[in-house]
Amino acid sequence: VDGARTYPSPFRPGQGATGITFDRIPADTPVRIYTVDGRPVKTLTTDSDGKALWNMTNGEESPVVSGVYLAIIEKDGTRMKLRVVVQQ
């Protein structure tokens, strides 16, 4: 997971983005998204190409608010944290 990346960050829907993409991650890897104070938001799983798209909703499929979120990616004993910014 060392090469993982995310884009666009910051996410700005007014600039044509439909979500945030996580990629360069092994297939079938969970991407856990949290608020900066540690509350779980949503868990994604990468596809066979090593990508996952966050559609800017939480686990109940309600839109998330603007702010900073943390994505935790863990696979085979390695762990990476990525910070993503949402500007709705």
C-alpha atoms as a PDB file:
ATOM      1  CA  VAL A   1       0.000   0.000   0.000  1.00  0.00           C
ATOM      2  CA  ASP A   2       3.048   2.246   0.065  1.00  0.00           C
ATOM      3  CA  GLY A   3       2.292   3.703  -3.375  1.00  0.00           C
ATOM      4  CA  ALA A   4      -1.357   4.533  -2.648  1.00  0.00           C
ATOM      5  CA  ARG A   5      -2.632   7.902  -3.757  1.00  0.00           C
ATOM      6  CA  THR A   6      -5.890   9.829  -3.830  1.00  0.00           C
ATOM      7  CA  TYR A   7      -7.297  12.464  -6.154  1.00  0.00           C
ATOM      8  CA  PRO A   8      -8.715  15.033  -6.467  1.00  0.00           C
ATOM      9  CA  SER A   9      -7.905  16.464  -3.068  1.00  0.00           C
ATOM     10  CA  PRO A  10      -9.335  18.835  -2.267  1.00  0.00           C
ATOM     11  CA  PHE A  11     -12.584  17.499  -3.683  1.00  0.00           C
ATOM     12  CA  ARG A  12     -14.631  20.338  -5.191  1.00  0.00           C
ATOM     13  CA  PRO A  13     -17.824  19.197  -6.945  1.00  0.00           C
ATOM     14  CA  GLY A  14     -18.131  22.523  -8.761  1.00  0.00           C
ATOM     15  CA  GLN A  15     -15.014  21.620 -10.746  1.00  0.00           C
ATOM     16  CA  GLY A  16     -16.562  18.516 -12.314  1.00  0.00           C
ATOM     17  CA  ALA A  17     -15.378  15.814  -9.912  1.00  0.00           C
ATOM     18  CA  THR A  18     -17.908  13.111  -8.975  1.00  0.00           C
ATOM     19  CA  GLY A  19     -15.897  11.583  -6.141  1.00  0.00           C
ATOM     20  CA  ILE A  20     -12.460  10.871  -4.779  1.00  0.00           C
ATOM     21  CA  THR A  21     -10.447   8.035  -6.315  1.00  0.00           C
ATOM     22  CA  PHE A  22      -8.029   5.914  -4.314  1.00  0.00           C
ATOM     23  CA  ASP A  23      -5.602   3.960  -6.481  1.00  0.00           C
ATOM     24  CA  ARG A  24      -2.247   2.149  -6.687  1.00  0.00           C
ATOM     25  CA  ILE A  25      -3.557  -0.192  -3.995  1.00  0.00           C
ATOM     26  CA  PRO A  26      -3.676  -4.016  -4.164  1.00  0.00           C
ATOM     27  CA  ALA A  27      -7.016  -5.512  -5.256  1.00  0.00           C
ATOM     28  CA  ASP A  28      -9.590  -6.349  -2.565  1.00  0.00           C
ATOM     29  CA  THR A  29      -8.033  -3.989  -0.015  1.00  0.00           C
ATOM     30  CA  PRO A  30     -10.329  -2.131   2.385  1.00  0.00           C
ATOM     31  CA  VAL A  31     -10.113   1.665   2.423  1.00  0.00           C
ATOM     32  CA  ARG A  32     -11.594   2.893   5.700  1.00  0.00           C
ATOM     33  CA  ILE A  33     -12.606   6.546   5.809  1.00  0.00           C
ATOM     34  CA  TYR A  34     -12.875   8.415   9.114  1.00  0.00           C
ATOM     35  CA  THR A  35     -13.495  11.938  10.337  1.00  0.00           C
ATOM     36  CA  VAL A  36     -10.417  13.583  11.845  1.00  0.00           C
ATOM     37  CA  ASP A  37     -11.798  12.854  15.320  1.00  0.00           C
ATOM     38  CA  GLY A  38     -11.942   9.113  14.528  1.00  0.00           C
ATOM     39  CA  ARG A  39     -15.600   8.522  13.703  1.00  0.00           C
ATOM     40  CA  PRO A  40     -16.087   5.942  10.924  1.00  0.00           C
ATOM     41  CA  VAL A  41     -17.615   7.356   7.747  1.00  0.00           C
ATOM     42  CA  LYS A  42     -17.460   4.591   5.135  1.00  0.00           C
ATOM     43  CA  THR A  43     -15.473   1.535   4.079  1.00  0.00           C
ATOM     44  CA  LEU A  44     -14.649   0.946   0.423  1.00  0.00           C
ATOM     45  CA  THR A  45     -12.920  -2.036  -1.187  1.00  0.00           C
ATOM     46  CA  THR A  46     -10.551  -1.727  -4.118  1.00  0.00           C
ATOM     47  CA  ASP A  47     -11.463  -3.405  -7.385  1.00  0.00           C
ATOM     48  CA  SER A  48      -9.300  -5.735  -9.466  1.00  0.00           C
ATOM     49  CA  ASP A  49      -7.438  -2.692 -10.860  1.00  0.00           C
ATOM     50  CA  GLY A  50      -6.558  -1.506  -7.352  1.00  0.00           C
ATOM     51  CA  LYS A  51      -8.968   1.439  -7.379  1.00  0.00           C
ATOM     52  CA  ALA A  52     -11.876   2.526  -5.217  1.00  0.00           C
ATOM     53  CA  LEU A  53     -14.173   5.520  -5.786  1.00  0.00           C
ATOM     54  CA  TRP A  54     -15.662   7.356  -2.828  1.00  0.00           C
ATOM     55  CA  ASN A  55     -18.918   8.899  -3.998  1.00  0.00           C
ATOM     56  CA  MET A  56     -18.851  11.417  -1.134  1.00  0.00           C
ATOM     57  CA  THR A  57     -21.472   9.632   0.948  1.00  0.00           C
ATOM     58  CA  ASN A  58     -21.324   7.998   4.349  1.00  0.00           C
ATOM     59  CA  GLY A  59     -22.325   4.432   5.214  1.00  0.00           C
ATOM     60  CA  GLU A  60     -26.014   5.374   5.034  1.00  0.00           C
ATOM     61  CA  GLU A  61     -25.459   6.905   1.569  1.00  0.00           C
ATOM     62  CA  SER A  62     -26.079  10.463   2.860  1.00  0.00           C
ATOM     63  CA  PRO A  63     -23.781  13.191   1.495  1.00  0.00           C
ATOM     64  CA  VAL A  64     -20.786  14.046   3.677  1.00  0.00           C
ATOM     65  CA  VAL A  65     -20.059  17.593   4.799  1.00  0.00           C
ATOM     66  CA  SER A  66     -17.041  19.707   3.991  1.00  0.00           C
ATOM     67  CA  GLY A  67     -13.990  18.932   6.078  1.00  0.00           C
ATOM     68  CA  VAL A  68     -10.861  16.852   6.419  1.00  0.00           C
ATOM     69  CA  TYR A  69     -11.136  13.059   6.390  1.00  0.00           C
ATOM     70  CA  LEU A  70      -8.582  10.311   6.958  1.00  0.00           C
ATOM     71  CA  ALA A  71      -8.359   7.184   4.832  1.00  0.00           C
ATOM     72  CA  ILE A  72      -6.656   4.179   6.403  1.00  0.00           C
ATOM     73  CA  ILE A  73      -5.420   1.505   3.992  1.00  0.00           C
ATOM     74  CA  GLU A  74      -4.088  -1.777   5.421  1.00  0.00           C
ATOM     75  CA  LYS A  75      -2.958  -4.915   3.621  1.00  0.00           C
ATOM     76  CA  ASP A  76      -0.520  -7.708   4.519  1.00  0.00           C
ATOM     77  CA  GLY A  77       0.893  -5.935   7.561  1.00  0.00           C
ATOM     78  CA  THR A  78       1.449  -2.577   5.891  1.00  0.00           C
ATOM     79  CA  ARG A  79      -0.570   0.515   6.689  1.00  0.00           C
ATOM     80  CA  MET A  80      -0.923   3.922   5.109  1.00  0.00           C
ATOM     81  CA  LYS A  81      -2.877   7.016   6.117  1.00  0.00           C
ATOM     82  CA  LEU A  82      -4.050   9.503   3.535  1.00  0.00           C
ATOM     83  CA  ARG A  83      -5.675  12.853   4.259  1.00  0.00           C
ATOM     84  CA  VAL A  84      -8.442  14.036   1.966  1.00  0.00           C
ATOM     85  CA  VAL A  85     -10.175  17.409   1.938  1.00  0.00           C
ATOM     86  CA  VAL A  86     -13.818  17.870   0.935  1.00  0.00           C
ATOM     87  CA  GLN A  87     -15.098  21.319  -0.043  1.00  0.00           C
ATOM     88  CA  GLN A  88     -18.803  20.979  -0.849  1.00  0.00           C
END
